PDB file of N, CA and C in Angstrom:
ATOM      1  N   VAL A   1      14.050  18.396  41.949  1.00  0.00           N
ATOM      2  CA  VAL A   1      13.836  18.541  43.370  1.00  0.00           C
ATOM      3  C   VAL A   1      14.705  19.673  43.908  1.00  0.00           C
ATOM      4  N   ALA A   2      15.983  19.670  43.516  1.00  0.00           N
ATOM      5  CA  ALA A   2      16.887  20.718  43.999  1.00  0.00           C
ATOM      6  C   ALA A   2      16.366  22.095  43.590  1.00  0.00           C
ATOM      7  N   LYS A   3      15.938  22.231  42.357  1.00  0.00           N
ATOM      8  CA  LYS A   3      15.434  23.510  41.855  1.00  0.00           C
ATOM      9  C   LYS A   3      14.159  23.920  42.601  1.00  0.00           C
ATOM     10  N   ASP A   4      13.232  22.977  42.797  1.00  0.00           N
ATOM     11  CA  ASP A   4      11.978  23.282  43.489  1.00  0.00           C
ATOM     12  C   ASP A   4      12.208  23.714  44.932  1.00  0.00           C
ATOM     13  N   LEU A   5      13.237  23.158  45.576  1.00  0.00           N
ATOM     14  CA  LEU A   5      13.536  23.504  46.970  1.00  0.00           C
ATOM     15  C   LEU A   5      14.475  24.694  47.096  1.00  0.00           C
ATOM     16  N   GLY A   6      15.011  25.143  45.962  1.00  0.00           N
ATOM     17  CA  GLY A   6      15.936  26.262  45.986  1.00  0.00           C
ATOM     18  C   GLY A   6      17.294  25.893  46.566  1.00  0.00           C
ATOM     19  N   LEU A   7      17.700  24.633  46.369  1.00  0.00           N
ATOM     20  CA  LEU A   7      18.982  24.157  46.882  1.00  0.00           C
ATOM     21  C   LEU A   7      19.993  24.019  45.753  1.00  0.00           C
ATOM     22  N   GLN A   8      21.247  24.260  46.056  1.00  0.00           N
ATOM     23  CA  GLN A   8      22.318  23.991  45.109  1.00  0.00           C
ATOM     24  C   GLN A   8      22.599  22.486  45.150  1.00  0.00           C
ATOM     25  N   LEU A   9      23.144  21.943  44.074  1.00  0.00           N
ATOM     26  CA  LEU A   9      23.363  20.501  44.016  1.00  0.00           C
ATOM     27  C   LEU A   9      24.224  19.954  45.151  1.00  0.00           C
ATOM     28  N   PRO A  10      25.312  20.604  45.564  1.00  0.00           N
ATOM     29  CA  PRO A  10      26.072  20.049  46.696  1.00  0.00           C
ATOM     30  C   PRO A  10      25.232  19.936  47.967  1.00  0.00           C
ATOM     31  N   ALA A  11      24.242  20.798  48.130  1.00  0.00           N
ATOM     32  CA  ALA A  11      23.399  20.769  49.328  1.00  0.00           C
ATOM     33  C   ALA A  11      22.535  19.517  49.378  1.00  0.00           C
ATOM     34  N   ILE A  12      22.203  18.942  48.224  1.00  0.00           N
ATOM     35  CA  ILE A  12      21.400  17.717  48.187  1.00  0.00           C
ATOM     36  C   ILE A  12      22.119  16.613  48.968  1.00  0.00           C
ATOM     37  N   HIS A  13      23.411  16.460  48.724  1.00  0.00           N
ATOM     38  CA  HIS A  13      24.198  15.449  49.443  1.00  0.00           C
ATOM     39  C   HIS A  13      24.480  15.875  50.878  1.00  0.00           C
ATOM     40  N   ASP A  14      24.889  17.118  51.060  1.00  0.00           N
ATOM     41  CA  ASP A  14      25.300  17.607  52.371  1.00  0.00           C
ATOM     42  C   ASP A  14      24.167  17.589  53.387  1.00  0.00           C
ATOM     43  N   ARG A  15      22.940  17.783  52.937  1.00  0.00           N
ATOM     44  CA  ARG A  15      21.806  17.884  53.862  1.00  0.00           C
ATOM     45  C   ARG A  15      21.098  16.558  54.083  1.00  0.00           C
ATOM     46  N   GLY A  16      21.598  15.479  53.522  1.00  0.00           N
ATOM     47  CA  GLY A  16      20.983  14.181  53.747  1.00  0.00           C
ATOM     48  C   GLY A  16      19.603  14.068  53.132  1.00  0.00           C
ATOM     49  N   THR A  17      19.448  14.562  51.917  1.00  0.00           N
ATOM     50  CA  THR A  17      18.160  14.509  51.226  1.00  0.00           C
ATOM     51  C   THR A  17      17.881  13.077  50.770  1.00  0.00           C
ATOM     52  N   ARG A  18      16.668  12.599  51.058  1.00  0.00           N
ATOM     53  CA  ARG A  18      16.298  11.253  50.628  1.00  0.00           C
ATOM     54  C   ARG A  18      14.790  11.169  50.398  1.00  0.00           C
ATOM     55  N   VAL A  19      14.386  10.190  49.622  1.00  0.00           N
ATOM     56  CA  VAL A  19      12.977   9.949  49.324  1.00  0.00           C
ATOM     57  C   VAL A  19      12.573   8.669  50.044  1.00  0.00           C
ATOM     58  N   VAL A  20      11.452   8.718  50.766  1.00  0.00           N
ATOM     59  CA  VAL A  20      10.982   7.564  51.525  1.00  0.00           C
ATOM     60  C   VAL A  20       9.593   7.194  51.032  1.00  0.00           C
ATOM     61  N   SER A  21       9.407   5.914  50.700  1.00  0.00           N
ATOM     62  CA  SER A  21       8.115   5.402  50.254  1.00  0.00           C
ATOM     63  C   SER A  21       7.528   4.502  51.327  1.00  0.00           C
ATOM     64  N   GLU A  22       6.222   4.280  51.241  1.00  0.00           N
ATOM     65  CA  GLU A  22       5.581   3.327  52.142  1.00  0.00           C
ATOM     66  C   GLU A  22       6.084   1.924  51.804  1.00  0.00           C
ATOM     67  N   GLY A  23       6.215   1.081  52.777  1.00  0.00           N
ATOM     68  CA  GLY A  23       6.666  -0.283  52.534  1.00  0.00           C
ATOM     69  C   GLY A  23       8.180  -0.376  52.475  1.00  0.00           C
ATOM     70  N   SER A  24       8.648  -1.571  52.168  1.00  0.00           N
ATOM     71  CA  SER A  24      10.093  -1.810  52.186  1.00  0.00           C
ATOM     72  C   SER A  24      10.780  -1.450  50.872  1.00  0.00           C
ATOM     73  N   THR A  25      10.054  -1.417  49.773  1.00  0.00           N
ATOM     74  CA  THR A  25      10.652  -1.095  48.484  1.00  0.00           C
ATOM     75  C   THR A  25      10.658   0.413  48.268  1.00  0.00           C
ATOM     76  N   GLN A  26      11.815   0.954  47.978  1.00  0.00           N
ATOM     77  CA  GLN A  26      11.962   2.383  47.710  1.00  0.00           C
ATOM     78  C   GLN A  26      11.998   2.572  46.200  1.00  0.00           C
ATOM     79  N   TYR A  27      10.916   3.114  45.632  1.00  0.00           N
ATOM     80  CA  TYR A  27      10.796   3.232  44.187  1.00  0.00           C
ATOM     81  C   TYR A  27      11.432   4.499  43.617  1.00  0.00           C
ATOM     82  N   PHE A  28      11.691   5.493  44.457  1.00  0.00           N
ATOM     83  CA  PHE A  28      12.204   6.763  43.969  1.00  0.00           C
ATOM     84  C   PHE A  28      13.471   7.157  44.707  1.00  0.00           C
ATOM     85  N   ALA A  29      14.284   7.993  44.054  1.00  0.00           N
ATOM     86  CA  ALA A  29      15.512   8.521  44.662  1.00  0.00           C
ATOM     87  C   ALA A  29      15.775   9.892  44.068  1.00  0.00           C
ATOM     88  N   VAL A  30      16.655  10.643  44.701  1.00  0.00           N
ATOM     89  CA  VAL A  30      17.101  11.925  44.165  1.00  0.00           C
ATOM     90  C   VAL A  30      18.461  11.685  43.528  1.00  0.00           C
ATOM     91  N   HIS A  31      18.577  11.977  42.237  1.00  0.00           N
ATOM     92  CA  HIS A  31      19.835  11.784  41.508  1.00  0.00           C
ATOM     93  C   HIS A  31      20.868  12.764  42.049  1.00  0.00           C
ATOM     94  N   GLY A  32      22.004  12.250  42.492  1.00  0.00           N
ATOM     95  CA  GLY A  32      23.025  13.064  43.140  1.00  0.00           C
ATOM     96  C   GLY A  32      23.664  14.125  42.265  1.00  0.00           C
ATOM     97  N   LYS A  33      23.777  13.867  40.955  1.00  0.00           N
ATOM     98  CA  LYS A  33      24.447  14.823  40.068  1.00  0.00           C
ATOM     99  C   LYS A  33      23.509  15.870  39.489  1.00  0.00           C
ATOM    100  N   THR A  34      22.229  15.526  39.326  1.00  0.00           N
ATOM    101  CA  THR A  34      21.292  16.456  38.685  1.00  0.00           C
ATOM    102  C   THR A  34      20.265  17.035  39.656  1.00  0.00           C
ATOM    103  N   GLY A  35      20.001  16.345  40.761  1.00  0.00           N
ATOM    104  CA  GLY A  35      18.959  16.776  41.691  1.00  0.00           C
ATOM    105  C   GLY A  35      17.564  16.408  41.232  1.00  0.00           C
ATOM    106  N   HIS A  36      17.448  15.591  40.188  1.00  0.00           N
ATOM    107  CA  HIS A  36      16.146  15.168  39.671  1.00  0.00           C
ATOM    108  C   HIS A  36      15.589  14.001  40.473  1.00  0.00           C
ATOM    109  N   LEU A  37      14.271  13.915  40.533  1.00  0.00           N
ATOM    110  CA  LEU A  37      13.597  12.769  41.121  1.00  0.00           C
ATOM    111  C   LEU A  37      13.587  11.669  40.066  1.00  0.00           C
ATOM    112  N   VAL A  38      14.120  10.494  40.398  1.00  0.00           N
ATOM    113  CA  VAL A  38      14.226   9.392  39.438  1.00  0.00           C
ATOM    114  C   VAL A  38      13.653   8.119  40.052  1.00  0.00           C
ATOM    115  N   THR A  39      13.348   7.147  39.195  1.00  0.00           N
ATOM    116  CA  THR A  39      12.914   5.852  39.700  1.00  0.00           C
ATOM    117  C   THR A  39      14.148   5.062  40.108  1.00  0.00           C
ATOM    118  N   ALA A  40      14.081   4.450  41.274  1.00  0.00           N
ATOM    119  CA  ALA A  40      15.197   3.686  41.803  1.00  0.00           C
ATOM    120  C   ALA A  40      14.991   2.180  41.592  1.00  0.00           C
ATOM    121  N   GLU A  41      13.762   1.790  41.368  1.00  0.00           N
ATOM    122  CA  GLU A  41      13.397   0.389  41.160  1.00  0.00           C
ATOM    123  C   GLU A  41      12.418   0.315  39.992  1.00  0.00           C
ATOM    124  N   ARG A  42      12.326  -0.845  39.398  1.00  0.00           N
ATOM    125  CA  ARG A  42      11.323  -1.071  38.362  1.00  0.00           C
ATOM    126  C   ARG A  42       9.953  -1.025  39.021  1.00  0.00           C
ATOM    127  N   ILE A  43       9.014  -0.299  38.422  1.00  0.00           N
ATOM    128  CA  ILE A  43       7.672  -0.175  38.979  1.00  0.00           C
ATOM    129  C   ILE A  43       6.716  -1.009  38.129  1.00  0.00           C
ATOM    130  N   ASP A  44       6.166  -2.037  38.726  1.00  0.00           N
ATOM    131  CA  ASP A  44       5.236  -2.935  38.048  1.00  0.00           C
ATOM    132  C   ASP A  44       3.818  -2.593  38.496  1.00  0.00           C
ATOM    133  N   ARG A  45       3.107  -1.826  37.679  1.00  0.00           N
ATOM    134  CA  ARG A  45       1.768  -1.374  38.044  1.00  0.00           C
ATOM    135  C   ARG A  45       0.819  -2.534  38.291  1.00  0.00           C
ATOM    136  N   GLU A  46       0.912  -3.571  37.493  1.00  0.00           N
ATOM    137  CA  GLU A  46       0.007  -4.709  37.646  1.00  0.00           C
ATOM    138  C   GLU A  46       0.228  -5.435  38.978  1.00  0.00           C
ATOM    139  N   GLN A  47       1.446  -5.450  39.463  1.00  0.00           N
ATOM    140  CA  GLN A  47       1.729  -6.074  40.747  1.00  0.00           C
ATOM    141  C   GLN A  47       1.274  -5.183  41.904  1.00  0.00           C
ATOM    142  N   LEU A  48       1.481  -3.887  41.787  1.00  0.00           N
ATOM    143  CA  LEU A  48       1.160  -2.964  42.869  1.00  0.00           C
ATOM    144  C   LEU A  48      -0.321  -2.643  42.985  1.00  0.00           C
ATOM    145  N   CYS A  49      -0.989  -2.496  41.854  1.00  0.00           N
ATOM    146  CA  CYS A  49      -2.378  -2.009  41.844  1.00  0.00           C
ATOM    147  C   CYS A  49      -3.262  -2.900  40.985  1.00  0.00           C
ATOM    148  N   ARG A  50      -3.310  -4.143  41.297  1.00  0.00           N
ATOM    149  CA  ARG A  50      -4.027  -5.110  40.463  1.00  0.00           C
ATOM    150  C   ARG A  50      -5.473  -4.740  40.194  1.00  0.00           C
ATOM    151  N   LEU A  51      -6.216  -4.427  41.227  1.00  0.00           N
ATOM    152  CA  LEU A  51      -7.653  -4.203  41.077  1.00  0.00           C
ATOM    153  C   LEU A  51      -8.049  -2.743  41.205  1.00  0.00           C
ATOM    154  N   VAL A  52      -7.086  -1.851  41.168  1.00  0.00           N
ATOM    155  CA  VAL A  52      -7.353  -0.431  41.359  1.00  0.00           C
ATOM    156  C   VAL A  52      -7.165   0.298  40.034  1.00  0.00           C
ATOM    157  N   GLU A  53      -8.165   1.103  39.652  1.00  0.00           N
ATOM    158  CA  GLU A  53      -8.073   1.831  38.391  1.00  0.00           C
ATOM    159  C   GLU A  53      -7.022   2.929  38.448  1.00  0.00           C
ATOM    160  N   LYS A  54      -6.998   3.668  39.548  1.00  0.00           N
ATOM    161  CA  LYS A  54      -6.056   4.768  39.698  1.00  0.00           C
ATOM    162  C   LYS A  54      -4.933   4.325  40.638  1.00  0.00           C
ATOM    163  N   CYS A  55      -3.740   4.177  40.104  1.00  0.00           N
ATOM    164  CA  CYS A  55      -2.604   3.682  40.877  1.00  0.00           C
ATOM    165  C   CYS A  55      -1.761   4.868  41.357  1.00  0.00           C
ATOM    166  N   VAL A  56      -1.580   4.986  42.675  1.00  0.00           N
ATOM    167  CA  VAL A  56      -0.834   6.102  43.249  1.00  0.00           C
ATOM    168  C   VAL A  56       0.249   5.553  44.168  1.00  0.00           C
ATOM    169  N   LEU A  57       1.475   6.010  43.952  1.00  0.00           N
ATOM    170  CA  LEU A  57       2.577   5.674  44.857  1.00  0.00           C
ATOM    171  C   LEU A  57       2.921   6.928  45.639  1.00  0.00           C
ATOM    172  N   ARG A  58       2.775   6.863  46.932  1.00  0.00           N
ATOM    173  CA  ARG A  58       3.067   8.013  47.779  1.00  0.00           C
ATOM    174  C   ARG A  58       4.490   7.905  48.314  1.00  0.00           C
ATOM    175  N   CYS A  59       5.136   9.057  48.374  1.00  0.00           N
ATOM    176  CA  CYS A  59       6.476   9.112  48.939  1.00  0.00           C
ATOM    177  C   CYS A  59       6.672  10.471  49.597  1.00  0.00           C
ATOM    178  N   GLU A  60       7.674  10.539  50.450  1.00  0.00           N
ATOM    179  CA  GLU A  60       8.006  11.784  51.127  1.00  0.00           C
ATOM    180  C   GLU A  60       9.458  12.127  50.835  1.00  0.00           C
ATOM    181  N   LEU A  61       9.724  13.400  50.682  1.00  0.00           N
ATOM    182  CA  LEU A  61      11.083  13.891  50.525  1.00  0.00           C
ATOM    183  C   LEU A  61      11.531  14.421  51.872  1.00  0.00           C
ATOM    184  N   ILE A  62      12.607  13.885  52.385  1.00  0.00           N
ATOM    185  CA  ILE A  62      13.141  14.331  53.668  1.00  0.00           C
ATOM    186  C   ILE A  62      14.441  15.071  53.428  1.00  0.00           C
ATOM    187  N   VAL A  63      14.503  16.296  53.946  1.00  0.00           N
ATOM    188  CA  VAL A  63      15.708  17.123  53.867  1.00  0.00           C
ATOM    189  C   VAL A  63      16.083  17.499  55.276  1.00  0.00           C
ATOM    190  N   GLU A  64      17.255  17.080  55.707  1.00  0.00           N
ATOM    191  CA  GLU A  64      17.694  17.375  57.068  1.00  0.00           C
ATOM    192  C   GLU A  64      18.158  18.824  57.172  1.00  0.00           C
ATOM    193  N   GLY A  65      18.013  19.401  58.340  1.00  0.00           N
ATOM    194  CA  GLY A  65      18.431  20.788  58.567  1.00  0.00           C
ATOM    195  C   GLY A  65      17.305  21.766  58.296  1.00  0.00           C
ATOM    196  N   GLN A  66      17.565  23.027  58.590  1.00  0.00           N
ATOM    197  CA  GLN A  66      16.558  24.072  58.392  1.00  0.00           C
ATOM    198  C   GLN A  66      16.460  24.470  56.933  1.00  0.00           C
ATOM    199  N   MET A  67      15.260  24.836  56.534  1.00  0.00           N
ATOM    200  CA  MET A  67      15.016  25.313  55.166  1.00  0.00           C
ATOM    201  C   MET A  67      14.863  26.814  55.213  1.00  0.00           C
TER     202      MET A  67
END
């Protein structure tokens, strides 16, 4: 994420970067030391998408401040 946005790793913390998912469970996060997008919770496809062939989890990356 840091590389794709052209940010240095300290900027990830300083700018309040966070990943927001629909619903109350946040499945993804930005790793503070590497800037990689990682899973923050166990993702159970059968629980989330029981009757759906194509399972999609949507999330947004929020970066505070100007880009």
